[in-house]
Amino acid sequence: MMEARGPVLDLVLLDPENPRSLAFQVQRMADHLRVLPGRNPDEPPPLSERIVARMHADLIASSAESFDLEDFDALEQDLMLLSDEIAAHYFIQGPSVDADWPAQL
């Protein structure tokens, strides 16, 4: 059963040509982050781009056979950090506002 682990992890994590793999999705995130509004190409890349670049480099350097739970935990932490960074930069943060919504829509 463990013999199939390597090829499966390679397919779902590391295959840059598989649209469902993490490596493919991380590359797409990098592409999208580069064109978001407010990005100044003359300045160093923002934290969100650096996080994605690190994730991409880690995935490229990984092999399916050596991928373990610590690697999954690190990826999860990076994804949560990326989510927080994007939310802090692009979404309104602050106290909630009570909207005066009609009772029936």
PDB file of N, CA and C in Angstrom:
ATOM      1  N   MET A   1       0.817  -1.198   0.000  1.00  0.00           N
ATOM      2  CA  MET A   1       0.000   0.000   0.000  1.00  0.00           C
ATOM      3  C   MET A   1       0.861   1.262   0.000  1.00  0.00           C
ATOM      4  N   MET A   2       1.994   1.232   0.695  1.00  0.00           N
ATOM      5  CA  MET A   2       2.868   2.393   0.734  1.00  0.00           C
ATOM      6  C   MET A   2       3.540   2.646  -0.614  1.00  0.00           C
ATOM      7  N   GLU A   3       3.570   1.635  -1.487  1.00  0.00           N
ATOM      8  CA  GLU A   3       4.193   1.799  -2.788  1.00  0.00           C
ATOM      9  C   GLU A   3       3.472   2.849  -3.620  1.00  0.00           C
ATOM     10  N   ALA A   4       2.178   3.000  -3.428  1.00  0.00           N
ATOM     11  CA  ALA A   4       1.397   3.952  -4.211  1.00  0.00           C
ATOM     12  C   ALA A   4       1.471   5.363  -3.640  1.00  0.00           C
ATOM     13  N   ARG A   5       2.003   5.526  -2.443  1.00  0.00           N
ATOM     14  CA  ARG A   5       2.043   6.833  -1.794  1.00  0.00           C
ATOM     15  C   ARG A   5       2.847   7.851  -2.613  1.00  0.00           C
ATOM     16  N   GLY A   6       4.029   7.472  -3.077  1.00  0.00           N
ATOM     17  CA  GLY A   6       4.888   8.385  -3.827  1.00  0.00           C
ATOM     18  C   GLY A   6       4.230   8.932  -5.086  1.00  0.00           C
ATOM     19  N   PRO A   7       3.728   8.068  -5.969  1.00  0.00           N
ATOM     20  CA  PRO A   7       3.087   8.576  -7.182  1.00  0.00           C
ATOM     21  C   PRO A   7       1.844   9.432  -6.907  1.00  0.00           C
ATOM     22  N   VAL A   8       1.085   9.078  -5.879  1.00  0.00           N
ATOM     23  CA  VAL A   8      -0.113   9.860  -5.554  1.00  0.00           C
ATOM     24  C   VAL A   8       0.287  11.243  -5.057  1.00  0.00           C
ATOM     25  N   LEU A   9       1.251  11.305  -4.135  1.00  0.00           N
ATOM     26  CA  LEU A   9       1.713  12.603  -3.645  1.00  0.00           C
ATOM     27  C   LEU A   9       2.315  13.429  -4.770  1.00  0.00           C
ATOM     28  N   ASP A  10       3.052  12.780  -5.657  1.00  0.00           N
ATOM     29  CA  ASP A  10       3.622  13.492  -6.794  1.00  0.00           C
ATOM     30  C   ASP A  10       2.522  14.110  -7.651  1.00  0.00           C
ATOM     31  N   LEU A  11       1.458  13.373  -7.878  1.00  0.00           N
ATOM     32  CA  LEU A  11       0.352  13.853  -8.706  1.00  0.00           C
ATOM     33  C   LEU A  11      -0.401  15.003  -8.046  1.00  0.00           C
ATOM     34  N   VAL A  12      -0.730  14.879  -6.771  1.00  0.00           N
ATOM     35  CA  VAL A  12      -1.590  15.882  -6.132  1.00  0.00           C
ATOM     36  C   VAL A  12      -0.822  17.027  -5.484  1.00  0.00           C
ATOM     37  N   LEU A  13       0.477  16.868  -5.295  1.00  0.00           N
ATOM     38  CA  LEU A  13       1.254  17.936  -4.674  1.00  0.00           C
ATOM     39  C   LEU A  13       2.249  18.587  -5.616  1.00  0.00           C
ATOM     40  N   LEU A  14       2.998  17.811  -6.342  1.00  0.00           N
ATOM     41  CA  LEU A  14       4.198  18.318  -6.992  1.00  0.00           C
ATOM     42  C   LEU A  14       4.122  18.459  -8.502  1.00  0.00           C
ATOM     43  N   ASP A  15       3.099  17.943  -9.136  1.00  0.00           N
ATOM     44  CA  ASP A  15       3.009  17.967 -10.599  1.00  0.00           C
ATOM     45  C   ASP A  15       2.617  19.365 -11.083  1.00  0.00           C
ATOM     46  N   PRO A  16       3.543  20.108 -11.685  1.00  0.00           N
ATOM     47  CA  PRO A  16       3.233  21.475 -12.113  1.00  0.00           C
ATOM     48  C   PRO A  16       2.274  21.542 -13.302  1.00  0.00           C
ATOM     49  N   GLU A  17       2.038  20.412 -13.961  1.00  0.00           N
ATOM     50  CA  GLU A  17       1.127  20.378 -15.108  1.00  0.00           C
ATOM     51  C   GLU A  17      -0.284  19.942 -14.731  1.00  0.00           C
ATOM     52  N   ASN A  18      -0.473  19.462 -13.515  1.00  0.00           N
ATOM     53  CA  ASN A  18      -1.785  18.994 -13.065  1.00  0.00           C
ATOM     54  C   ASN A  18      -2.532  20.161 -12.414  1.00  0.00           C
ATOM     55  N   PRO A  19      -3.616  20.642 -13.011  1.00  0.00           N
ATOM     56  CA  PRO A  19      -4.344  21.786 -12.447  1.00  0.00           C
ATOM     57  C   PRO A  19      -4.869  21.554 -11.033  1.00  0.00           C
ATOM     58  N   ARG A  20      -4.940  20.313 -10.601  1.00  0.00           N
ATOM     59  CA  ARG A  20      -5.431  20.034  -9.251  1.00  0.00           C
ATOM     60  C   ARG A  20      -4.295  19.869  -8.245  1.00  0.00           C
ATOM     61  N   SER A  21      -3.064  19.974  -8.693  1.00  0.00           N
ATOM     62  CA  SER A  21      -1.945  19.801  -7.764  1.00  0.00           C
ATOM     63  C   SER A  21      -1.655  21.102  -7.024  1.00  0.00           C
ATOM     64  N   LEU A  22      -1.058  20.966  -5.866  1.00  0.00           N
ATOM     65  CA  LEU A  22      -0.713  22.133  -5.066  1.00  0.00           C
ATOM     66  C   LEU A  22       0.333  22.986  -5.774  1.00  0.00           C
ATOM     67  N   ALA A  23       1.307  22.368  -6.414  1.00  0.00           N
ATOM     68  CA  ALA A  23       2.339  23.128  -7.122  1.00  0.00           C
ATOM     69  C   ALA A  23       1.729  23.996  -8.220  1.00  0.00           C
ATOM     70  N   PHE A  24       0.791  23.454  -8.961  1.00  0.00           N
ATOM     71  CA  PHE A  24       0.115  24.210 -10.017  1.00  0.00           C
ATOM     72  C   PHE A  24      -0.644  25.389  -9.416  1.00  0.00           C
ATOM     73  N   GLN A  25      -1.384  25.134  -8.339  1.00  0.00           N
ATOM     74  CA  GLN A  25      -2.192  26.181  -7.712  1.00  0.00           C
ATOM     75  C   GLN A  25      -1.324  27.268  -7.077  1.00  0.00           C
ATOM     76  N   VAL A  26      -0.212  26.879  -6.484  1.00  0.00           N
ATOM     77  CA  VAL A  26       0.699  27.871  -5.902  1.00  0.00           C
ATOM     78  C   VAL A  26       1.259  28.766  -7.005  1.00  0.00           C
ATOM     79  N   GLN A  27       1.593  28.196  -8.147  1.00  0.00           N
ATOM     80  CA  GLN A  27       2.080  29.009  -9.260  1.00  0.00           C
ATOM     81  C   GLN A  27       0.998  29.968  -9.746  1.00  0.00           C
ATOM     82  N   ARG A  28      -0.249  29.522  -9.810  1.00  0.00           N
ATOM     83  CA  ARG A  28      -1.339  30.411 -10.217  1.00  0.00           C
ATOM     84  C   ARG A  28      -1.529  31.540  -9.196  1.00  0.00           C
ATOM     85  N   MET A  29      -1.398  31.208  -7.901  1.00  0.00           N
ATOM     86  CA  MET A  29      -1.502  32.256  -6.879  1.00  0.00           C
ATOM     87  C   MET A  29      -0.420  33.304  -7.083  1.00  0.00           C
ATOM     88  N   ALA A  30       0.791  32.862  -7.377  1.00  0.00           N
ATOM     89  CA  ALA A  30       1.888  33.800  -7.625  1.00  0.00           C
ATOM     90  C   ALA A  30       1.561  34.691  -8.821  1.00  0.00           C
ATOM     91  N   ASP A  31       1.035  34.098  -9.882  1.00  0.00           N
ATOM     92  CA  ASP A  31       0.661  34.870 -11.072  1.00  0.00           C
ATOM     93  C   ASP A  31      -0.396  35.915 -10.739  1.00  0.00           C
ATOM     94  N   HIS A  32      -1.398  35.537  -9.963  1.00  0.00           N
ATOM     95  CA  HIS A  32      -2.478  36.463  -9.612  1.00  0.00           C
ATOM     96  C   HIS A  32      -1.996  37.559  -8.669  1.00  0.00           C
ATOM     97  N   LEU A  33      -1.159  37.214  -7.715  1.00  0.00           N
ATOM     98  CA  LEU A  33      -0.672  38.216  -6.764  1.00  0.00           C
ATOM     99  C   LEU A  33       0.143  39.296  -7.463  1.00  0.00           C
ATOM    100  N   ARG A  34       0.882  38.921  -8.516  1.00  0.00           N
ATOM    101  CA  ARG A  34       1.712  39.894  -9.230  1.00  0.00           C
ATOM    102  C   ARG A  34       0.890  40.967  -9.931  1.00  0.00           C
ATOM    103  N   VAL A  35      -0.367  40.694 -10.228  1.00  0.00           N
ATOM    104  CA  VAL A  35      -1.165  41.668 -10.981  1.00  0.00           C
ATOM    105  C   VAL A  35      -2.260  42.325 -10.138  1.00  0.00           C
ATOM    106  N   LEU A  36      -2.252  42.087  -8.842  1.00  0.00           N
ATOM    107  CA  LEU A  36      -3.254  42.735  -7.991  1.00  0.00           C
ATOM    108  C   LEU A  36      -2.993  44.237  -7.927  1.00  0.00           C
ATOM    109  N   PRO A  37      -4.047  45.031  -7.749  1.00  0.00           N
ATOM    110  CA  PRO A  37      -3.865  46.482  -7.676  1.00  0.00           C
ATOM    111  C   PRO A  37      -3.014  46.871  -6.469  1.00  0.00           C
ATOM    112  N   GLY A  38      -2.307  47.988  -6.623  1.00  0.00           N
ATOM    113  CA  GLY A  38      -1.492  48.499  -5.538  1.00  0.00           C
ATOM    114  C   GLY A  38      -0.081  47.947  -5.523  1.00  0.00           C
ATOM    115  N   ARG A  39       0.229  47.085  -6.458  1.00  0.00           N
ATOM    116  CA  ARG A  39       1.571  46.479  -6.530  1.00  0.00           C
ATOM    117  C   ARG A  39       2.486  47.414  -7.291  1.00  0.00           C
ATOM    118  N   ASN A  40       3.573  47.841  -6.662  1.00  0.00           N
ATOM    119  CA  ASN A  40       4.553  48.698  -7.311  1.00  0.00           C
ATOM    120  C   ASN A  40       5.743  47.836  -7.728  1.00  0.00           C
ATOM    121  N   PRO A  41       5.964  47.676  -9.039  1.00  0.00           N
ATOM    122  CA  PRO A  41       7.048  46.796  -9.495  1.00  0.00           C
ATOM    123  C   PRO A  41       8.444  47.310  -9.127  1.00  0.00           C
ATOM    124  N   ASP A  42       8.555  48.592  -8.748  1.00  0.00           N
ATOM    125  CA  ASP A  42       9.857  49.148  -8.377  1.00  0.00           C
ATOM    126  C   ASP A  42      10.207  48.900  -6.913  1.00  0.00           C
ATOM    127  N   GLU A  43       9.263  48.382  -6.148  1.00  0.00           N
ATOM    128  CA  GLU A  43       9.499  48.095  -4.733  1.00  0.00           C
ATOM    129  C   GLU A  43       9.703  46.596  -4.541  1.00  0.00           C
ATOM    130  N   PRO A  44      10.301  46.220  -3.407  1.00  0.00           N
ATOM    131  CA  PRO A  44      10.430  44.782  -3.126  1.00  0.00           C
ATOM    132  C   PRO A  44       9.052  44.129  -3.079  1.00  0.00           C
ATOM    133  N   PRO A  45       8.978  42.849  -3.391  1.00  0.00           N
ATOM    134  CA  PRO A  45       7.668  42.181  -3.390  1.00  0.00           C
ATOM    135  C   PRO A  45       7.054  42.187  -1.991  1.00  0.00           C
ATOM    136  N   PRO A  46       5.734  42.310  -1.928  1.00  0.00           N
ATOM    137  CA  PRO A  46       5.064  42.280  -0.624  1.00  0.00           C
ATOM    138  C   PRO A  46       5.164  40.896   0.018  1.00  0.00           C
ATOM    139  N   LEU A  47       4.829  40.840   1.297  1.00  0.00           N
ATOM    140  CA  LEU A  47       4.927  39.600   2.057  1.00  0.00           C
ATOM    141  C   LEU A  47       4.146  38.468   1.399  1.00  0.00           C
ATOM    142  N   SER A  48       2.969  38.768   0.862  1.00  0.00           N
ATOM    143  CA  SER A  48       2.156  37.709   0.245  1.00  0.00           C
ATOM    144  C   SER A  48       2.908  37.039  -0.906  1.00  0.00           C
ATOM    145  N   GLU A  49       3.598  37.822  -1.723  1.00  0.00           N
ATOM    146  CA  GLU A  49       4.360  37.243  -2.835  1.00  0.00           C
ATOM    147  C   GLU A  49       5.560  36.456  -2.333  1.00  0.00           C
ATOM    148  N   ARG A  50       6.172  36.921  -1.262  1.00  0.00           N
ATOM    149  CA  ARG A  50       7.319  36.193  -0.707  1.00  0.00           C
ATOM    150  C   ARG A  50       6.886  34.858  -0.108  1.00  0.00           C
ATOM    151  N   ILE A  51       5.717  34.836   0.526  1.00  0.00           N
ATOM    152  CA  ILE A  51       5.196  33.585   1.084  1.00  0.00           C
ATOM    153  C   ILE A  51       4.966  32.569  -0.032  1.00  0.00           C
ATOM    154  N   VAL A  52       4.311  33.018  -1.108  1.00  0.00           N
ATOM    155  CA  VAL A  52       4.028  32.115  -2.228  1.00  0.00           C
ATOM    156  C   VAL A  52       5.327  31.660  -2.893  1.00  0.00           C
ATOM    157  N   ALA A  53       6.293  32.556  -3.018  1.00  0.00           N
ATOM    158  CA  ALA A  53       7.578  32.176  -3.614  1.00  0.00           C
ATOM    159  C   ALA A  53       8.274  31.113  -2.764  1.00  0.00           C
ATOM    160  N   ARG A  54       8.206  31.261  -1.440  1.00  0.00           N
ATOM    161  CA  ARG A  54       8.813  30.257  -0.558  1.00  0.00           C
ATOM    162  C   ARG A  54       8.092  28.919  -0.690  1.00  0.00           C
ATOM    163  N   MET A  55       6.753  28.964  -0.741  1.00  0.00           N
ATOM    164  CA  MET A  55       5.990  27.729  -0.906  1.00  0.00           C
ATOM    165  C   MET A  55       6.366  27.042  -2.213  1.00  0.00           C
ATOM    166  N   HIS A  56       6.460  27.828  -3.270  1.00  0.00           N
ATOM    167  CA  HIS A  56       6.795  27.276  -4.588  1.00  0.00           C
ATOM    168  C   HIS A  56       8.189  26.654  -4.565  1.00  0.00           C
ATOM    169  N   ALA A  57       9.146  27.357  -3.970  1.00  0.00           N
ATOM    170  CA  ALA A  57      10.508  26.827  -3.886  1.00  0.00           C
ATOM    171  C   ALA A  57      10.547  25.542  -3.058  1.00  0.00           C
ATOM    172  N   ASP A  58       9.801  25.525  -1.955  1.00  0.00           N
ATOM    173  CA  ASP A  58       9.759  24.317  -1.119  1.00  0.00           C
ATOM    174  C   ASP A  58       9.172  23.134  -1.882  1.00  0.00           C
ATOM    175  N   LEU A  59       8.131  23.396  -2.670  1.00  0.00           N
ATOM    176  CA  LEU A  59       7.519  22.312  -3.439  1.00  0.00           C
ATOM    177  C   LEU A  59       8.456  21.805  -4.528  1.00  0.00           C
ATOM    178  N   ILE A  60       9.147  22.724  -5.190  1.00  0.00           N
ATOM    179  CA  ILE A  60      10.088  22.321  -6.244  1.00  0.00           C
ATOM    180  C   ILE A  60      11.215  21.473  -5.657  1.00  0.00           C
ATOM    181  N   ALA A  61      11.665  21.841  -4.461  1.00  0.00           N
ATOM    182  CA  ALA A  61      12.778  21.126  -3.827  1.00  0.00           C
ATOM    183  C   ALA A  61      12.348  19.811  -3.182  1.00  0.00           C
ATOM    184  N   SER A  62      11.050  19.578  -3.085  1.00  0.00           N
ATOM    185  CA  SER A  62      10.543  18.379  -2.415  1.00  0.00           C
ATOM    186  C   SER A  62      10.489  17.192  -3.362  1.00  0.00           C
ATOM    187  N   SER A  63      10.520  16.036  -2.762  1.00  0.00           N
ATOM    188  CA  SER A  63      10.252  14.813  -3.515  1.00  0.00           C
ATOM    189  C   SER A  63       9.093  14.109  -2.834  1.00  0.00           C
ATOM    190  N   ALA A  64       8.299  13.434  -3.607  1.00  0.00           N
ATOM    191  CA  ALA A  64       7.116  12.765  -3.062  1.00  0.00           C
ATOM    192  C   ALA A  64       7.500  11.728  -2.017  1.00  0.00           C
ATOM    193  N   GLU A  65       8.608  11.069  -2.222  1.00  0.00           N
ATOM    194  CA  GLU A  65       9.022  10.015  -1.299  1.00  0.00           C
ATOM    195  C   GLU A  65       9.413  10.562   0.067  1.00  0.00           C
ATOM    196  N   SER A  66       9.944  11.784   0.110  1.00  0.00           N
ATOM    197  CA  SER A  66      10.407  12.336   1.384  1.00  0.00           C
ATOM    198  C   SER A  66       9.386  13.251   2.050  1.00  0.00           C
ATOM    199  N   PHE A  67       8.263  13.481   1.398  1.00  0.00           N
ATOM    200  CA  PHE A  67       7.242  14.377   1.940  1.00  0.00           C
ATOM    201  C   PHE A  67       6.617  13.729   3.171  1.00  0.00           C
ATOM    202  N   ASP A  68       6.575  14.470   4.290  1.00  0.00           N
ATOM    203  CA  ASP A  68       6.034  13.899   5.524  1.00  0.00           C
ATOM    204  C   ASP A  68       5.061  14.871   6.195  1.00  0.00           C
ATOM    205  N   LEU A  69       4.594  14.508   7.371  1.00  0.00           N
ATOM    206  CA  LEU A  69       3.603  15.329   8.072  1.00  0.00           C
ATOM    207  C   LEU A  69       4.128  16.715   8.405  1.00  0.00           C
ATOM    208  N   GLU A  70       5.404  16.841   8.705  1.00  0.00           N
ATOM    209  CA  GLU A  70       5.978  18.159   8.983  1.00  0.00           C
ATOM    210  C   GLU A  70       5.889  19.054   7.756  1.00  0.00           C
ATOM    211  N   ASP A  71       6.089  18.478   6.587  1.00  0.00           N
ATOM    212  CA  ASP A  71       5.966  19.252   5.350  1.00  0.00           C
ATOM    213  C   ASP A  71       4.524  19.713   5.141  1.00  0.00           C
ATOM    214  N   PHE A  72       3.564  18.831   5.422  1.00  0.00           N
ATOM    215  CA  PHE A  72       2.155  19.215   5.313  1.00  0.00           C
ATOM    216  C   PHE A  72       1.821  20.326   6.304  1.00  0.00           C
ATOM    217  N   ASP A  73       2.334  20.208   7.527  1.00  0.00           N
ATOM    218  CA  ASP A  73       2.090  21.242   8.537  1.00  0.00           C
ATOM    219  C   ASP A  73       2.673  22.584   8.103  1.00  0.00           C
ATOM    220  N   ALA A  74       3.878  22.564   7.542  1.00  0.00           N
ATOM    221  CA  ALA A  74       4.510  23.797   7.075  1.00  0.00           C
ATOM    222  C   ALA A  74       3.696  24.433   5.950  1.00  0.00           C
ATOM    223  N   LEU A  75       3.206  23.611   5.020  1.00  0.00           N
ATOM    224  CA  LEU A  75       2.369  24.134   3.938  1.00  0.00           C
ATOM    225  C   LEU A  75       1.078  24.734   4.480  1.00  0.00           C
ATOM    226  N   GLU A  76       0.479  24.050   5.440  1.00  0.00           N
ATOM    227  CA  GLU A  76      -0.750  24.565   6.036  1.00  0.00           C
ATOM    228  C   GLU A  76      -0.502  25.910   6.716  1.00  0.00           C
ATOM    229  N   GLN A  77       0.586  26.025   7.451  1.00  0.00           N
ATOM    230  CA  GLN A  77       0.917  27.282   8.121  1.00  0.00           C
ATOM    231  C   GLN A  77       1.153  28.391   7.096  1.00  0.00           C
ATOM    232  N   ASP A  78       1.865  28.080   6.020  1.00  0.00           N
ATOM    233  CA  ASP A  78       2.107  29.074   4.970  1.00  0.00           C
ATOM    234  C   ASP A  78       0.804  29.517   4.315  1.00  0.00           C
ATOM    235  N   LEU A  79      -0.096  28.585   4.060  1.00  0.00           N
ATOM    236  CA  LEU A  79      -1.381  28.939   3.447  1.00  0.00           C
ATOM    237  C   LEU A  79      -2.216  29.818   4.375  1.00  0.00           C
ATOM    238  N   MET A  80      -2.195  29.524   5.672  1.00  0.00           N
ATOM    239  CA  MET A  80      -2.942  30.359   6.615  1.00  0.00           C
ATOM    240  C   MET A  80      -2.319  31.746   6.726  1.00  0.00           C
ATOM    241  N   LEU A  81      -0.988  31.809   6.745  1.00  0.00           N
ATOM    242  CA  LEU A  81      -0.302  33.095   6.781  1.00  0.00           C
ATOM    243  C   LEU A  81      -0.603  33.896   5.517  1.00  0.00           C
ATOM    244  N   LEU A  82      -0.596  33.239   4.376  1.00  0.00           N
ATOM    245  CA  LEU A  82      -0.918  33.901   3.111  1.00  0.00           C
ATOM    246  C   LEU A  82      -2.343  34.440   3.134  1.00  0.00           C
ATOM    247  N   SER A  83      -3.272  33.647   3.606  1.00  0.00           N
ATOM    248  CA  SER A  83      -4.664  34.080   3.707  1.00  0.00           C
ATOM    249  C   SER A  83      -4.790  35.314   4.593  1.00  0.00           C
ATOM    250  N   ASP A  84      -4.128  35.289   5.743  1.00  0.00           N
ATOM    251  CA  ASP A  84      -4.173  36.436   6.655  1.00  0.00           C
ATOM    252  C   ASP A  84      -3.569  37.678   6.012  1.00  0.00           C
ATOM    253  N   GLU A  85      -2.461  37.508   5.321  1.00  0.00           N
ATOM    254  CA  GLU A  85      -1.786  38.643   4.690  1.00  0.00           C
ATOM    255  C   GLU A  85      -2.646  39.256   3.579  1.00  0.00           C
ATOM    256  N   ILE A  86      -3.250  38.429   2.752  1.00  0.00           N
ATOM    257  CA  ILE A  86      -4.124  38.939   1.686  1.00  0.00           C
ATOM    258  C   ILE A  86      -5.335  39.634   2.289  1.00  0.00           C
ATOM    259  N   ALA A  87      -5.931  39.033   3.303  1.00  0.00           N
ATOM    260  CA  ALA A  87      -7.103  39.632   3.953  1.00  0.00           C
ATOM    261  C   ALA A  87      -6.753  40.974   4.575  1.00  0.00           C
ATOM    262  N   ALA A  88      -5.611  41.061   5.238  1.00  0.00           N
ATOM    263  CA  ALA A  88      -5.215  42.311   5.889  1.00  0.00           C
ATOM    264  C   ALA A  88      -4.935  43.407   4.864  1.00  0.00           C
ATOM    265  N   HIS A  89      -4.436  43.017   3.705  1.00  0.00           N
ATOM    266  CA  HIS A  89      -4.059  44.012   2.703  1.00  0.00           C
ATOM    267  C   HIS A  89      -5.226  44.442   1.809  1.00  0.00           C
ATOM    268  N   TYR A  90      -6.112  43.524   1.476  1.00  0.00           N
ATOM    269  CA  TYR A  90      -7.120  43.817   0.464  1.00  0.00           C
ATOM    270  C   TYR A  90      -8.552  43.893   0.974  1.00  0.00           C
ATOM    271  N   PHE A  91      -8.807  43.540   2.221  1.00  0.00           N
ATOM    272  CA  PHE A  91     -10.169  43.589   2.746  1.00  0.00           C
ATOM    273  C   PHE A  91     -10.247  44.574   3.893  1.00  0.00           C
ATOM    274  N   ILE A  92     -11.381  45.204   4.025  1.00  0.00           N
ATOM    275  CA  ILE A  92     -11.585  46.183   5.086  1.00  0.00           C
ATOM    276  C   ILE A  92     -11.509  45.475   6.430  1.00  0.00           C
ATOM    277  N   GLN A  93     -10.692  46.033   7.308  1.00  0.00           N
ATOM    278  CA  GLN A  93     -10.541  45.498   8.657  1.00  0.00           C
ATOM    279  C   GLN A  93     -11.059  46.553   9.632  1.00  0.00           C
ATOM    280  N   GLY A  94     -11.663  46.135  10.672  1.00  0.00           N
ATOM    281  CA  GLY A  94     -12.106  47.085  11.679  1.00  0.00           C
ATOM    282  C   GLY A  94     -13.379  46.626  12.330  1.00  0.00           C
ATOM    283  N   PRO A  95     -13.940  47.510  13.141  1.00  0.00           N
ATOM    284  CA  PRO A  95     -15.172  47.121  13.840  1.00  0.00           C
ATOM    285  C   PRO A  95     -16.301  46.875  12.847  1.00  0.00           C
ATOM    286  N   SER A  96     -17.147  45.953  13.215  1.00  0.00           N
ATOM    287  CA  SER A  96     -18.269  45.642  12.330  1.00  0.00           C
ATOM    288  C   SER A  96     -19.259  46.795  12.337  1.00  0.00           C
ATOM    289  N   VAL A  97     -19.888  46.968  11.218  1.00  0.00           N
ATOM    290  CA  VAL A  97     -20.870  48.033  11.061  1.00  0.00           C
ATOM    291  C   VAL A  97     -22.237  47.381  10.979  1.00  0.00           C
ATOM    292  N   ASP A  98     -23.159  47.856  11.796  1.00  0.00           N
ATOM    293  CA  ASP A  98     -24.523  47.342  11.739  1.00  0.00           C
ATOM    294  C   ASP A  98     -25.254  48.044  10.605  1.00  0.00           C
ATOM    295  N   ALA A  99     -25.560  47.291   9.582  1.00  0.00           N
ATOM    296  CA  ALA A  99     -26.291  47.849   8.447  1.00  0.00           C
ATOM    297  C   ALA A  99     -27.773  47.880   8.774  1.00  0.00           C
ATOM    298  N   ASP A 100     -28.436  48.841   8.246  1.00  0.00           N
ATOM    299  CA  ASP A 100     -29.871  48.986   8.466  1.00  0.00           C
ATOM    300  C   ASP A 100     -30.600  48.243   7.345  1.00  0.00           C
ATOM    301  N   TRP A 101     -30.616  46.901   7.435  1.00  0.00           N
ATOM    302  CA  TRP A 101     -31.227  46.077   6.413  1.00  0.00           C
ATOM    303  C   TRP A 101     -32.725  45.975   6.649  1.00  0.00           C
ATOM    304  N   PRO A 102     -33.492  45.951   5.578  1.00  0.00           N
ATOM    305  CA  PRO A 102     -34.926  45.709   5.745  1.00  0.00           C
ATOM    306  C   PRO A 102     -35.162  44.292   6.276  1.00  0.00           C
ATOM    307  N   ALA A 103     -36.236  44.120   7.017  1.00  0.00           N
ATOM    308  CA  ALA A 103     -36.544  42.822   7.609  1.00  0.00           C
ATOM    309  C   ALA A 103     -36.767  41.763   6.530  1.00  0.00           C
ATOM    310  N   GLN A 104     -37.366  42.127   5.436  1.00  0.00           N
ATOM    311  CA  GLN A 104     -37.622  41.196   4.333  1.00  0.00           C
ATOM    312  C   GLN A 104     -36.859  41.672   3.106  1.00  0.00           C
ATOM    313  N   LEU A 105     -36.211  40.766   2.460  1.00  0.00           N
ATOM    314  CA  LEU A 105     -35.522  41.123   1.212  1.00  0.00           C
ATOM    315  C   LEU A 105     -36.308  40.646   0.035  1.00  0.00           C
TER     316      LEU A 105
END
